[in-house]
Amino acid sequence: MSTETPGGRPRAFDEETVLDRATEVFWRHGYEGASLTTLTAAMGINRPSLYATFGSKEQLFQRVFARYRDTQAATARTALDQPTAYAAVEAFLRSSADGLTADDHPAGCLSIQGGLACSPENTRIAEALAAGRAATESALADRLSRAAREGDLPDGVDPRALARFVMALSEGHAVHAAAGATRAELQASVDVALRAVAIRPSPAGTAALPTPGSG
């Protein structure tokens, strides 16, 4: 890809690099808070180049969010590949807490910060973010439904309700991380959640309540 120097000569730029820079702007400011001036300054390109390369601010955000979702989906798949429901939920929540407080990007979650507040004309952005979160919840519910069929969940545990609980905790952690909560604080919250969820298999292979302090 290229943009132009003041003299009209093309100047190469790396598209992945400018997308990384745009991601940080959207993550820090949200979709509506990220002005074109802020975006182009961070990306190191001018408005005509942004429009020529990405089409529009909305299309740029869609590109950014698609890359973000690919990374998040890979992390979720790794967690959900764990051999038991308890291990999958624990891996999901702990990897989420780690990711929300990582040093290589703004604190929190692009899926939450990107569109906490969108005006009616930008409902497509909020809908895209909600669809991304719903896809993760659906994958988690599918994994827990499989656990139920395999006898890895106690009778009476609703896999989809449990998936909703896990997602609500993870999304709440995103809000707290953006407000300054530390990794240790989020992991302590995970400890509490794991003690409260009755999905840990007993040594004999039957599901049982975890004992306090086990986690």
C-alpha atoms as a PDB file:
ATOM      1  CA  MET A   1       0.000   0.000   0.000  1.00  0.00           C
ATOM      2  CA  SER A   2       1.086   3.592  -0.423  1.00  0.00           C
ATOM      3  CA  THR A   3       0.165   7.113   0.392  1.00  0.00           C
ATOM      4  CA  GLU A   4       1.608  10.289  -1.105  1.00  0.00           C
ATOM      5  CA  THR A   5       4.311  12.629   0.019  1.00  0.00           C
ATOM      6  CA  PRO A   6       3.669  16.391  -0.257  1.00  0.00           C
ATOM      7  CA  GLY A   7       5.378  16.284  -3.641  1.00  0.00           C
ATOM      8  CA  GLY A   8       2.944  13.701  -4.969  1.00  0.00           C
ATOM      9  CA  ARG A   9       5.381  10.778  -4.942  1.00  0.00           C
ATOM     10  CA  PRO A  10       4.051   7.488  -3.553  1.00  0.00           C
ATOM     11  CA  ARG A  11       5.335   6.484  -0.118  1.00  0.00           C
ATOM     12  CA  ALA A  12       4.979   2.882   0.972  1.00  0.00           C
ATOM     13  CA  PHE A  13       3.366   1.970   4.278  1.00  0.00           C
ATOM     14  CA  ASP A  14       2.687  -1.357   5.879  1.00  0.00           C
ATOM     15  CA  GLU A  15      -1.052  -1.986   6.083  1.00  0.00           C
ATOM     16  CA  GLU A  16      -0.796  -4.259   9.113  1.00  0.00           C
ATOM     17  CA  THR A  17       1.179  -1.610  10.985  1.00  0.00           C
ATOM     18  CA  VAL A  18      -1.364   1.124  10.320  1.00  0.00           C
ATOM     19  CA  LEU A  19      -4.173  -1.245  11.305  1.00  0.00           C
ATOM     20  CA  ASP A  20      -2.391  -1.881  14.608  1.00  0.00           C
ATOM     21  CA  ARG A  21      -2.225   1.868  15.193  1.00  0.00           C
ATOM     22  CA  ALA A  22      -5.893   2.300  14.302  1.00  0.00           C
ATOM     23  CA  THR A  23      -6.774  -0.519  16.681  1.00  0.00           C
ATOM     24  CA  GLU A  24      -5.165   1.310  19.580  1.00  0.00           C
ATOM     25  CA  VAL A  25      -7.052   4.510  18.769  1.00  0.00           C
ATOM     26  CA  PHE A  26     -10.420   2.738  18.599  1.00  0.00           C
ATOM     27  CA  TRP A  27      -9.573   0.803  21.755  1.00  0.00           C
ATOM     28  CA  ARG A  28      -8.737   3.941  23.731  1.00  0.00           C
ATOM     29  CA  HIS A  29     -11.451   6.228  22.397  1.00  0.00           C
ATOM     30  CA  GLY A  30     -14.235   3.957  21.159  1.00  0.00           C
ATOM     31  CA  TYR A  31     -15.652   4.143  17.656  1.00  0.00           C
ATOM     32  CA  GLU A  32     -17.396   7.478  18.019  1.00  0.00           C
ATOM     33  CA  GLY A  33     -14.616   9.031  20.098  1.00  0.00           C
ATOM     34  CA  ALA A  34     -11.976   8.195  17.495  1.00  0.00           C
ATOM     35  CA  SER A  35     -11.921  11.181  15.170  1.00  0.00           C
ATOM     36  CA  LEU A  36     -10.509  10.971  11.665  1.00  0.00           C
ATOM     37  CA  THR A  37      -7.873  13.491  12.695  1.00  0.00           C
ATOM     38  CA  THR A  38      -6.741  11.294  15.577  1.00  0.00           C
ATOM     39  CA  LEU A  39      -6.855   8.164  13.428  1.00  0.00           C
ATOM     40  CA  THR A  40      -4.853   9.552  10.528  1.00  0.00           C
ATOM     41  CA  ALA A  41      -2.284  11.114  12.862  1.00  0.00           C
ATOM     42  CA  ALA A  42      -1.773   7.805  14.660  1.00  0.00           C
ATOM     43  CA  MET A  43      -1.744   5.782  11.436  1.00  0.00           C
ATOM     44  CA  GLY A  44       0.676   8.168   9.725  1.00  0.00           C
ATOM     45  CA  ILE A  45      -1.484   8.533   6.612  1.00  0.00           C
ATOM     46  CA  ASN A  46      -3.736  11.258   5.242  1.00  0.00           C
ATOM     47  CA  ARG A  47      -7.501  11.104   4.822  1.00  0.00           C
ATOM     48  CA  PRO A  48      -7.450  10.386   1.068  1.00  0.00           C
ATOM     49  CA  SER A  49      -5.153   7.426   1.730  1.00  0.00           C
ATOM     50  CA  LEU A  50      -7.428   6.171   4.500  1.00  0.00           C
ATOM     51  CA  TYR A  51     -10.441   6.348   2.213  1.00  0.00           C
ATOM     52  CA  ALA A  52      -8.566   4.801  -0.725  1.00  0.00           C
ATOM     53  CA  THR A  53      -7.213   1.924   1.347  1.00  0.00           C
ATOM     54  CA  PHE A  54     -10.019   1.185   3.793  1.00  0.00           C
ATOM     55  CA  GLY A  55     -13.081   2.848   2.274  1.00  0.00           C
ATOM     56  CA  SER A  56     -14.454   4.707   5.294  1.00  0.00           C
ATOM     57  CA  LYS A  57     -14.062   5.037   9.033  1.00  0.00           C
ATOM     58  CA  GLU A  58     -16.709   2.344   9.536  1.00  0.00           C
ATOM     59  CA  GLN A  59     -15.004  -0.032   7.115  1.00  0.00           C
ATOM     60  CA  LEU A  60     -11.682   0.640   8.833  1.00  0.00           C
ATOM     61  CA  PHE A  61     -13.233  -0.286  12.167  1.00  0.00           C
ATOM     62  CA  GLN A  62     -14.703  -3.443  10.674  1.00  0.00           C
ATOM     63  CA  ARG A  63     -11.213  -4.427   9.478  1.00  0.00           C
ATOM     64  CA  VAL A  64      -9.759  -3.666  12.896  1.00  0.00           C
ATOM     65  CA  PHE A  65     -12.439  -5.640  14.708  1.00  0.00           C
ATOM     66  CA  ALA A  66     -12.138  -8.623  12.362  1.00  0.00           C
ATOM     67  CA  ARG A  67      -8.413  -8.886  13.158  1.00  0.00           C
ATOM     68  CA  TYR A  68      -9.137  -8.511  16.854  1.00  0.00           C
ATOM     69  CA  ARG A  69     -11.815 -11.206  16.718  1.00  0.00           C
ATOM     70  CA  ASP A  70      -9.435 -13.618  14.991  1.00  0.00           C
ATOM     71  CA  THR A  71      -6.978 -13.248  17.868  1.00  0.00           C
ATOM     72  CA  GLN A  72      -9.673 -13.577  20.515  1.00  0.00           C
ATOM     73  CA  ALA A  73     -11.215 -16.593  18.808  1.00  0.00           C
ATOM     74  CA  ALA A  74      -7.852 -18.369  18.755  1.00  0.00           C
ATOM     75  CA  THR A  75      -7.409 -17.725  22.485  1.00  0.00           C
ATOM     76  CA  ALA A  76     -10.934 -18.953  23.221  1.00  0.00           C
ATOM     77  CA  ARG A  77     -10.411 -22.106  21.148  1.00  0.00           C
ATOM     78  CA  THR A  78      -7.309 -22.940  23.142  1.00  0.00           C
ATOM     79  CA  ALA A  79      -9.230 -22.538  26.396  1.00  0.00           C
ATOM     80  CA  LEU A  80     -12.233 -24.533  25.216  1.00  0.00           C
ATOM     81  CA  ASP A  81     -10.002 -27.375  24.054  1.00  0.00           C
ATOM     82  CA  GLN A  82      -9.276 -28.221  27.696  1.00  0.00           C
ATOM     83  CA  PRO A  83     -10.384 -31.766  28.604  1.00  0.00           C
ATOM     84  CA  THR A  84     -13.034 -30.896  31.225  1.00  0.00           C
ATOM     85  CA  ALA A  85     -15.720 -28.261  31.596  1.00  0.00           C
ATOM     86  CA  TYR A  86     -14.075 -26.917  34.748  1.00  0.00           C
ATOM     87  CA  ALA A  87     -10.674 -26.673  33.071  1.00  0.00           C
ATOM     88  CA  ALA A  88     -12.220 -24.979  30.025  1.00  0.00           C
ATOM     89  CA  VAL A  89     -14.047 -22.365  32.110  1.00  0.00           C
ATOM     90  CA  GLU A  90     -10.972 -21.741  34.239  1.00  0.00           C
ATOM     91  CA  ALA A  91      -8.696 -21.397  31.193  1.00  0.00           C
ATOM     92  CA  PHE A  92     -11.203 -19.081  29.519  1.00  0.00           C
ATOM     93  CA  LEU A  93     -11.530 -16.774  32.518  1.00  0.00           C
ATOM     94  CA  ARG A  94      -7.843 -16.732  33.419  1.00  0.00           C
ATOM     95  CA  SER A  95      -6.669 -16.106  29.865  1.00  0.00           C
ATOM     96  CA  SER A  96      -9.293 -13.366  29.591  1.00  0.00           C
ATOM     97  CA  ALA A  97      -8.046 -11.700  32.784  1.00  0.00           C
ATOM     98  CA  ASP A  98      -4.484 -11.886  31.494  1.00  0.00           C
ATOM     99  CA  GLY A  99      -5.458 -10.429  28.125  1.00  0.00           C
ATOM    100  CA  LEU A 100      -7.483  -7.592  29.625  1.00  0.00           C
ATOM    101  CA  THR A 101      -4.456  -6.413  31.609  1.00  0.00           C
ATOM    102  CA  ALA A 102      -1.681  -7.140  29.096  1.00  0.00           C
ATOM    103  CA  ASP A 103       0.952  -4.464  28.556  1.00  0.00           C
ATOM    104  CA  ASP A 104       0.949  -4.493  24.742  1.00  0.00           C
ATOM    105  CA  HIS A 105      -2.433  -2.802  24.275  1.00  0.00           C
ATOM    106  CA  PRO A 106      -4.832  -0.550  26.189  1.00  0.00           C
ATOM    107  CA  ALA A 107      -6.439  -2.120  29.241  1.00  0.00           C
ATOM    108  CA  GLY A 108      -9.801  -3.751  28.790  1.00  0.00           C
ATOM    109  CA  CYS A 109     -11.439  -5.133  25.663  1.00  0.00           C
ATOM    110  CA  LEU A 110     -11.944  -3.574  22.235  1.00  0.00           C
ATOM    111  CA  SER A 111     -15.273  -5.387  21.973  1.00  0.00           C
ATOM    112  CA  ILE A 112     -16.543  -3.488  25.022  1.00  0.00           C
ATOM    113  CA  GLN A 113     -14.743  -0.146  24.719  1.00  0.00           C
ATOM    114  CA  GLY A 114     -15.311   0.088  20.991  1.00  0.00           C
ATOM    115  CA  GLY A 115     -19.017   0.713  21.306  1.00  0.00           C
ATOM    116  CA  LEU A 116     -20.259   1.152  24.854  1.00  0.00           C
ATOM    117  CA  ALA A 117     -22.184   4.178  23.604  1.00  0.00           C
ATOM    118  CA  CYS A 118     -23.149   4.545  19.965  1.00  0.00           C
ATOM    119  CA  SER A 119     -25.620   7.005  18.499  1.00  0.00           C
ATOM    120  CA  PRO A 120     -28.466   5.658  16.340  1.00  0.00           C
ATOM    121  CA  GLU A 121     -26.573   6.288  13.109  1.00  0.00           C
ATOM    122  CA  ASN A 122     -23.808   3.968  14.312  1.00  0.00           C
ATOM    123  CA  THR A 123     -25.955   1.043  15.445  1.00  0.00           C
ATOM    124  CA  ARG A 124     -24.154  -1.200  12.939  1.00  0.00           C
ATOM    125  CA  ILE A 125     -20.994  -0.830  15.015  1.00  0.00           C
ATOM    126  CA  ALA A 126     -22.738  -1.764  18.257  1.00  0.00           C
ATOM    127  CA  GLU A 127     -24.437  -4.675  16.500  1.00  0.00           C
ATOM    128  CA  ALA A 128     -21.147  -5.974  15.101  1.00  0.00           C
ATOM    129  CA  LEU A 129     -19.515  -5.845  18.528  1.00  0.00           C
ATOM    130  CA  ALA A 130     -22.507  -7.562  20.132  1.00  0.00           C
ATOM    131  CA  ALA A 131     -22.422 -10.260  17.448  1.00  0.00           C
ATOM    132  CA  GLY A 132     -18.762 -10.888  18.179  1.00  0.00           C
ATOM    133  CA  ARG A 133     -19.450 -11.327  21.881  1.00  0.00           C
ATOM    134  CA  ALA A 134     -22.437 -13.560  21.104  1.00  0.00           C
ATOM    135  CA  ALA A 135     -20.264 -15.785  18.926  1.00  0.00           C
ATOM    136  CA  THR A 136     -17.836 -16.303  21.796  1.00  0.00           C
ATOM    137  CA  GLU A 137     -20.697 -17.061  24.179  1.00  0.00           C
ATOM    138  CA  SER A 138     -22.147 -19.531  21.668  1.00  0.00           C
ATOM    139  CA  ALA A 139     -18.812 -21.345  21.383  1.00  0.00           C
ATOM    140  CA  LEU A 140     -18.601 -21.558  25.165  1.00  0.00           C
ATOM    141  CA  ALA A 141     -22.205 -22.825  25.388  1.00  0.00           C
ATOM    142  CA  ASP A 142     -21.471 -25.481  22.768  1.00  0.00           C
ATOM    143  CA  ARG A 143     -18.447 -26.681  24.732  1.00  0.00           C
ATOM    144  CA  LEU A 144     -20.463 -26.863  27.956  1.00  0.00           C
ATOM    145  CA  SER A 145     -23.336 -28.625  26.178  1.00  0.00           C
ATOM    146  CA  ARG A 146     -20.873 -31.261  25.037  1.00  0.00           C
ATOM    147  CA  ALA A 147     -19.668 -31.561  28.623  1.00  0.00           C
ATOM    148  CA  ALA A 148     -23.267 -32.129  29.740  1.00  0.00           C
ATOM    149  CA  ARG A 149     -23.744 -34.884  27.169  1.00  0.00           C
ATOM    150  CA  GLU A 150     -20.521 -36.514  28.344  1.00  0.00           C
ATOM    151  CA  GLY A 151     -21.588 -36.433  31.998  1.00  0.00           C
ATOM    152  CA  ASP A 152     -19.004 -33.767  32.819  1.00  0.00           C
ATOM    153  CA  LEU A 153     -21.614 -31.376  34.277  1.00  0.00           C
ATOM    154  CA  PRO A 154     -23.908 -32.085  37.236  1.00  0.00           C
ATOM    155  CA  ASP A 155     -27.575 -32.741  36.524  1.00  0.00           C
ATOM    156  CA  GLY A 156     -29.538 -29.528  36.526  1.00  0.00           C
ATOM    157  CA  VAL A 157     -26.726 -27.265  35.294  1.00  0.00           C
ATOM    158  CA  ASP A 158     -27.928 -25.328  32.236  1.00  0.00           C
ATOM    159  CA  PRO A 159     -24.948 -25.083  29.846  1.00  0.00           C
ATOM    160  CA  ARG A 160     -26.226 -21.919  28.176  1.00  0.00           C
ATOM    161  CA  ALA A 161     -26.980 -20.182  31.451  1.00  0.00           C
ATOM    162  CA  LEU A 162     -23.511 -21.122  32.667  1.00  0.00           C
ATOM    163  CA  ALA A 163     -21.985 -19.767  29.450  1.00  0.00           C
ATOM    164  CA  ARG A 164     -23.886 -16.509  29.964  1.00  0.00           C
ATOM    165  CA  PHE A 165     -22.569 -16.281  33.544  1.00  0.00           C
ATOM    166  CA  VAL A 166     -18.969 -16.822  32.401  1.00  0.00           C
ATOM    167  CA  MET A 167     -19.318 -14.214  29.640  1.00  0.00           C
ATOM    168  CA  ALA A 168     -20.938 -11.707  32.006  1.00  0.00           C
ATOM    169  CA  LEU A 169     -18.006 -12.100  34.384  1.00  0.00           C
ATOM    170  CA  SER A 170     -15.472 -11.718  31.581  1.00  0.00           C
ATOM    171  CA  GLU A 171     -17.229  -8.638  30.185  1.00  0.00           C
ATOM    172  CA  GLY A 172     -17.488  -7.123  33.651  1.00  0.00           C
ATOM    173  CA  HIS A 173     -13.781  -7.707  34.081  1.00  0.00           C
ATOM    174  CA  ALA A 174     -13.216  -5.762  30.863  1.00  0.00           C
ATOM    175  CA  VAL A 175     -14.963  -2.727  32.328  1.00  0.00           C
ATOM    176  CA  HIS A 176     -13.004  -2.992  35.579  1.00  0.00           C
ATOM    177  CA  ALA A 177      -9.693  -3.461  33.746  1.00  0.00           C
ATOM    178  CA  ALA A 178     -10.322  -0.316  31.712  1.00  0.00           C
ATOM    179  CA  ALA A 179     -10.958   1.514  34.986  1.00  0.00           C
ATOM    180  CA  GLY A 180      -7.616   0.368  36.394  1.00  0.00           C
ATOM    181  CA  ALA A 181      -8.194  -3.043  38.008  1.00  0.00           C
ATOM    182  CA  THR A 182      -4.994  -5.086  38.104  1.00  0.00           C
ATOM    183  CA  ARG A 183      -4.400  -8.584  36.809  1.00  0.00           C
ATOM    184  CA  ALA A 184      -4.153  -9.891  40.385  1.00  0.00           C
ATOM    185  CA  GLU A 185      -7.513  -8.330  41.241  1.00  0.00           C
ATOM    186  CA  LEU A 186      -9.204  -9.898  38.241  1.00  0.00           C
ATOM    187  CA  GLN A 187      -7.643 -13.287  38.963  1.00  0.00           C
ATOM    188  CA  ALA A 188      -8.908 -13.066  42.557  1.00  0.00           C
ATOM    189  CA  SER A 189     -12.397 -12.549  41.147  1.00  0.00           C
ATOM    190  CA  VAL A 190     -11.918 -15.631  38.972  1.00  0.00           C
ATOM    191  CA  ASP A 191     -10.983 -17.583  42.115  1.00  0.00           C
ATOM    192  CA  VAL A 192     -14.315 -16.625  43.686  1.00  0.00           C
ATOM    193  CA  ALA A 193     -16.274 -17.540  40.553  1.00  0.00           C
ATOM    194  CA  LEU A 194     -14.637 -20.942  40.284  1.00  0.00           C
ATOM    195  CA  ARG A 195     -15.474 -21.734  43.894  1.00  0.00           C
ATOM    196  CA  ALA A 196     -19.090 -20.727  43.243  1.00  0.00           C
ATOM    197  CA  VAL A 197     -19.593 -22.849  40.114  1.00  0.00           C
ATOM    198  CA  ALA A 198     -20.418 -26.514  40.709  1.00  0.00           C
ATOM    199  CA  ILE A 199     -18.678 -28.043  37.694  1.00  0.00           C
ATOM    200  CA  ARG A 200     -15.451 -29.505  39.043  1.00  0.00           C
ATOM    201  CA  PRO A 201     -15.328 -33.292  38.545  1.00  0.00           C
ATOM    202  CA  SER A 202     -14.542 -35.349  41.626  1.00  0.00           C
ATOM    203  CA  PRO A 203     -11.611 -37.817  41.529  1.00  0.00           C
ATOM    204  CA  ALA A 204     -14.082 -40.619  40.843  1.00  0.00           C
ATOM    205  CA  GLY A 205     -15.194 -38.799  37.702  1.00  0.00           C
ATOM    206  CA  THR A 206     -18.565 -37.581  38.974  1.00  0.00           C
ATOM    207  CA  ALA A 207     -19.277 -33.864  39.110  1.00  0.00           C
ATOM    208  CA  ALA A 208     -19.121 -32.267  42.538  1.00  0.00           C
ATOM    209  CA  LEU A 209     -18.957 -28.908  44.213  1.00  0.00           C
ATOM    210  CA  PRO A 210     -15.392 -27.594  44.499  1.00  0.00           C
ATOM    211  CA  THR A 211     -14.198 -27.222  48.054  1.00  0.00           C
ATOM    212  CA  PRO A 212     -13.507 -23.704  49.372  1.00  0.00           C
ATOM    213  CA  GLY A 213      -9.964 -22.641  48.682  1.00  0.00           C
ATOM    214  CA  SER A 214      -9.454 -25.219  45.930  1.00  0.00           C
ATOM    215  CA  GLY A 215      -9.407 -23.293  42.683  1.00  0.00           C
END
